[in-house]
Amino acid sequence: MITDNQEMLKKVNELIIKVRPYLQRDGGDIEILKVEKGNVHVKMMGACDGCFAIDITLKQGIETMLLENVPGVKSVVLEES
């Protein structure tokens, strides 16, 4: 049986796959660590790790996209490397 959390993780992964090429184009990447209680925990890698624009990328880009397209997502949480 698929739980709500598993379905949410599946939808989050589908959207991350769509934005990943844009991050990789600039030398970065994103990894989904877990989805817990509506919070998507991610790790930024490559050029994205420590980038001055990471807050904008996460909040105005990735988080906004997930909030609009995946029911139940509350926030994106950046896990430090």
N, C-alpha and C. Protein backbone atom coordinates (compact mmCIF):
# COMPACT_ATOMS: atom_id res chain seq x y z
N MET A 1 0.83 -1.19 0.00
CA MET A 1 0.00 0.00 0.00
C MET A 1 0.88 1.25 0.00
N ILE A 2 0.58 2.19 -0.86
CA ILE A 2 1.34 3.43 -0.94
C ILE A 2 0.77 4.41 0.09
N THR A 3 1.65 4.93 0.92
CA THR A 3 1.22 5.91 1.91
C THR A 3 1.22 7.30 1.28
N ASP A 4 0.56 8.23 1.96
CA ASP A 4 0.54 9.61 1.47
C ASP A 4 1.95 10.16 1.33
N ASN A 5 2.82 9.83 2.29
CA ASN A 5 4.19 10.32 2.26
C ASN A 5 4.94 9.78 1.04
N GLN A 6 4.70 8.51 0.70
CA GLN A 6 5.34 7.92 -0.47
C GLN A 6 4.85 8.59 -1.75
N GLU A 7 3.57 8.87 -1.81
CA GLU A 7 3.00 9.54 -2.99
C GLU A 7 3.55 10.96 -3.11
N MET A 8 3.66 11.64 -1.98
CA MET A 8 4.22 12.99 -1.98
C MET A 8 5.67 12.95 -2.45
N LEU A 9 6.45 12.00 -1.94
CA LEU A 9 7.85 11.87 -2.33
C LEU A 9 7.96 11.61 -3.83
N LYS A 10 7.08 10.79 -4.36
CA LYS A 10 7.07 10.50 -5.80
C LYS A 10 6.84 11.77 -6.61
N LYS A 11 5.85 12.57 -6.21
CA LYS A 11 5.54 13.82 -6.92
C LYS A 11 6.68 14.83 -6.79
N VAL A 12 7.27 14.91 -5.61
CA VAL A 12 8.41 15.82 -5.40
C VAL A 12 9.55 15.41 -6.33
N ASN A 13 9.85 14.11 -6.38
CA ASN A 13 10.92 13.62 -7.26
C ASN A 13 10.65 13.97 -8.71
N GLU A 14 9.41 13.82 -9.15
CA GLU A 14 9.06 14.12 -10.54
C GLU A 14 9.34 15.59 -10.87
N LEU A 15 9.04 16.48 -9.95
CA LEU A 15 9.28 17.90 -10.19
C LEU A 15 10.76 18.25 -10.11
N ILE A 16 11.46 17.64 -9.17
CA ILE A 16 12.90 17.90 -9.04
C ILE A 16 13.63 17.46 -10.31
N ILE A 17 13.20 16.35 -10.89
CA ILE A 17 13.81 15.88 -12.14
C ILE A 17 13.67 16.93 -13.23
N LYS A 18 12.57 17.67 -13.22
CA LYS A 18 12.35 18.71 -14.23
C LYS A 18 13.25 19.93 -14.04
N VAL A 19 13.57 20.28 -12.79
CA VAL A 19 14.40 21.47 -12.55
C VAL A 19 15.89 21.15 -12.45
N ARG A 20 16.21 19.88 -12.22
CA ARG A 20 17.61 19.48 -12.06
C ARG A 20 18.51 19.95 -13.21
N PRO A 21 18.09 19.86 -14.50
CA PRO A 21 18.98 20.31 -15.58
C PRO A 21 19.38 21.78 -15.48
N TYR A 22 18.50 22.62 -14.95
CA TYR A 22 18.83 24.04 -14.79
C TYR A 22 19.89 24.24 -13.72
N LEU A 23 19.81 23.47 -12.65
CA LEU A 23 20.83 23.54 -11.61
C LEU A 23 22.16 23.00 -12.13
N GLN A 24 22.09 21.89 -12.85
CA GLN A 24 23.31 21.26 -13.37
C GLN A 24 23.98 22.13 -14.42
N ARG A 25 23.19 22.87 -15.16
CA ARG A 25 23.74 23.78 -16.18
C ARG A 25 24.68 24.81 -15.54
N ASP A 26 24.37 25.18 -14.29
CA ASP A 26 25.20 26.14 -13.57
C ASP A 26 26.20 25.48 -12.64
N GLY A 27 26.37 24.15 -12.79
CA GLY A 27 27.37 23.43 -12.01
C GLY A 27 26.89 22.94 -10.66
N GLY A 28 25.58 22.97 -10.42
CA GLY A 28 25.04 22.53 -9.14
C GLY A 28 24.14 21.32 -9.28
N ASP A 29 23.54 20.94 -8.18
CA ASP A 29 22.58 19.83 -8.18
C ASP A 29 21.83 19.85 -6.86
N ILE A 30 20.78 19.05 -6.79
CA ILE A 30 19.96 18.95 -5.59
C ILE A 30 19.68 17.47 -5.31
N GLU A 31 19.67 17.13 -4.04
CA GLU A 31 19.34 15.78 -3.63
C GLU A 31 18.22 15.85 -2.60
N ILE A 32 17.19 15.06 -2.79
CA ILE A 32 16.11 14.98 -1.81
C ILE A 32 16.52 13.97 -0.76
N LEU A 33 16.60 14.42 0.48
CA LEU A 33 17.00 13.54 1.56
C LEU A 33 15.81 12.80 2.16
N LYS A 34 14.71 13.54 2.37
CA LYS A 34 13.50 12.92 2.91
C LYS A 34 12.35 13.90 2.82
N VAL A 35 11.15 13.35 2.93
CA VAL A 35 9.95 14.16 3.04
C VAL A 35 9.30 13.73 4.35
N GLU A 36 9.16 14.70 5.24
CA GLU A 36 8.67 14.38 6.59
C GLU A 36 7.69 15.45 7.04
N LYS A 37 6.46 15.05 7.29
CA LYS A 37 5.41 15.95 7.77
C LYS A 37 5.22 17.16 6.85
N GLY A 38 5.34 16.93 5.55
CA GLY A 38 5.15 17.99 4.58
C GLY A 38 6.38 18.84 4.33
N ASN A 39 7.45 18.56 5.03
CA ASN A 39 8.70 19.29 4.83
C ASN A 39 9.63 18.47 3.95
N VAL A 40 10.09 19.08 2.87
CA VAL A 40 10.99 18.42 1.94
C VAL A 40 12.42 18.83 2.32
N HIS A 41 13.19 17.86 2.79
CA HIS A 41 14.58 18.10 3.21
C HIS A 41 15.49 17.83 2.03
N VAL A 42 16.30 18.83 1.67
CA VAL A 42 17.17 18.72 0.51
C VAL A 42 18.60 19.08 0.87
N LYS A 43 19.50 18.61 0.03
CA LYS A 43 20.92 18.96 0.13
C LYS A 43 21.31 19.54 -1.22
N MET A 44 21.95 20.67 -1.20
CA MET A 44 22.43 21.30 -2.43
C MET A 44 23.88 20.90 -2.63
N MET A 45 24.25 20.64 -3.87
CA MET A 45 25.60 20.15 -4.16
C MET A 45 26.25 20.97 -5.26
N GLY A 46 27.53 20.75 -5.43
CA GLY A 46 28.28 21.43 -6.47
C GLY A 46 28.27 22.94 -6.26
N ALA A 47 28.08 23.68 -7.33
CA ALA A 47 28.11 25.14 -7.26
C ALA A 47 26.97 25.69 -6.40
N CYS A 48 25.90 24.92 -6.20
CA CYS A 48 24.78 25.39 -5.39
C CYS A 48 25.11 25.40 -3.90
N ASP A 49 26.02 24.53 -3.49
CA ASP A 49 26.40 24.46 -2.08
C ASP A 49 27.20 25.70 -1.72
N GLY A 50 26.62 26.57 -0.92
CA GLY A 50 27.30 27.79 -0.51
C GLY A 50 27.11 28.96 -1.46
N CYS A 51 26.31 28.80 -2.49
CA CYS A 51 26.06 29.88 -3.44
C CYS A 51 25.32 31.03 -2.77
N PHE A 52 25.64 32.25 -3.13
CA PHE A 52 24.99 33.42 -2.54
C PHE A 52 23.50 33.49 -2.87
N ALA A 53 23.08 32.84 -3.95
CA ALA A 53 21.69 32.91 -4.38
C ALA A 53 20.87 31.70 -3.96
N ILE A 54 21.40 30.86 -3.09
CA ILE A 54 20.72 29.62 -2.73
C ILE A 54 19.36 29.87 -2.09
N ASP A 55 19.23 30.89 -1.26
CA ASP A 55 17.94 31.16 -0.62
C ASP A 55 16.88 31.51 -1.67
N ILE A 56 17.26 32.28 -2.66
CA ILE A 56 16.32 32.64 -3.72
C ILE A 56 15.95 31.40 -4.53
N THR A 57 16.94 30.59 -4.87
CA THR A 57 16.69 29.37 -5.64
C THR A 57 15.74 28.45 -4.88
N LEU A 58 15.99 28.28 -3.59
CA LEU A 58 15.16 27.37 -2.80
C LEU A 58 13.76 27.91 -2.55
N LYS A 59 13.67 29.12 -2.04
CA LYS A 59 12.37 29.66 -1.61
C LYS A 59 11.51 30.14 -2.78
N GLN A 60 12.09 30.94 -3.67
CA GLN A 60 11.30 31.50 -4.76
C GLN A 60 11.22 30.56 -5.96
N GLY A 61 12.09 29.59 -6.01
CA GLY A 61 12.08 28.66 -7.13
C GLY A 61 11.50 27.31 -6.74
N ILE A 62 12.31 26.51 -6.10
CA ILE A 62 11.93 25.13 -5.81
C ILE A 62 10.76 25.04 -4.84
N GLU A 63 10.81 25.77 -3.73
CA GLU A 63 9.72 25.68 -2.76
C GLU A 63 8.39 26.16 -3.36
N THR A 64 8.42 27.25 -4.08
CA THR A 64 7.20 27.77 -4.70
C THR A 64 6.61 26.75 -5.67
N MET A 65 7.46 26.14 -6.48
CA MET A 65 7.01 25.14 -7.44
C MET A 65 6.38 23.95 -6.73
N LEU A 66 7.02 23.48 -5.65
CA LEU A 66 6.49 22.33 -4.92
C LEU A 66 5.18 22.68 -4.21
N LEU A 67 5.10 23.85 -3.60
CA LEU A 67 3.87 24.26 -2.91
C LEU A 67 2.69 24.33 -3.88
N GLU A 68 2.95 24.79 -5.09
CA GLU A 68 1.89 24.94 -6.08
C GLU A 68 1.47 23.62 -6.73
N ASN A 69 2.36 22.62 -6.72
CA ASN A 69 2.10 21.42 -7.49
C ASN A 69 1.99 20.12 -6.70
N VAL A 70 2.39 20.13 -5.44
CA VAL A 70 2.34 18.90 -4.64
C VAL A 70 1.53 19.16 -3.38
N PRO A 71 0.30 18.64 -3.34
CA PRO A 71 -0.53 18.82 -2.15
C PRO A 71 0.16 18.26 -0.91
N GLY A 72 0.13 19.04 0.17
CA GLY A 72 0.71 18.59 1.43
C GLY A 72 2.09 19.12 1.72
N VAL A 73 2.79 19.63 0.70
CA VAL A 73 4.12 20.19 0.94
C VAL A 73 3.95 21.51 1.68
N LYS A 74 4.71 21.66 2.77
CA LYS A 74 4.66 22.88 3.58
C LYS A 74 5.89 23.77 3.38
N SER A 75 7.05 23.12 3.21
CA SER A 75 8.27 23.91 3.06
C SER A 75 9.40 23.05 2.51
N VAL A 76 10.45 23.73 2.08
CA VAL A 76 11.70 23.07 1.70
C VAL A 76 12.74 23.46 2.74
N VAL A 77 13.39 22.46 3.29
CA VAL A 77 14.38 22.66 4.35
C VAL A 77 15.75 22.30 3.80
N LEU A 78 16.67 23.24 3.86
CA LEU A 78 18.04 23.00 3.40
C LEU A 78 18.83 22.35 4.52
N GLU A 79 19.36 21.18 4.25
CA GLU A 79 20.24 20.49 5.19
C GLU A 79 21.67 20.86 4.84
N GLU A 80 22.41 21.26 5.82
CA GLU A 80 23.80 21.66 5.58
C GLU A 80 24.67 20.45 5.26
N SER A 81 25.67 20.67 4.43
CA SER A 81 26.59 19.59 4.03
C SER A 81 27.45 19.16 5.19
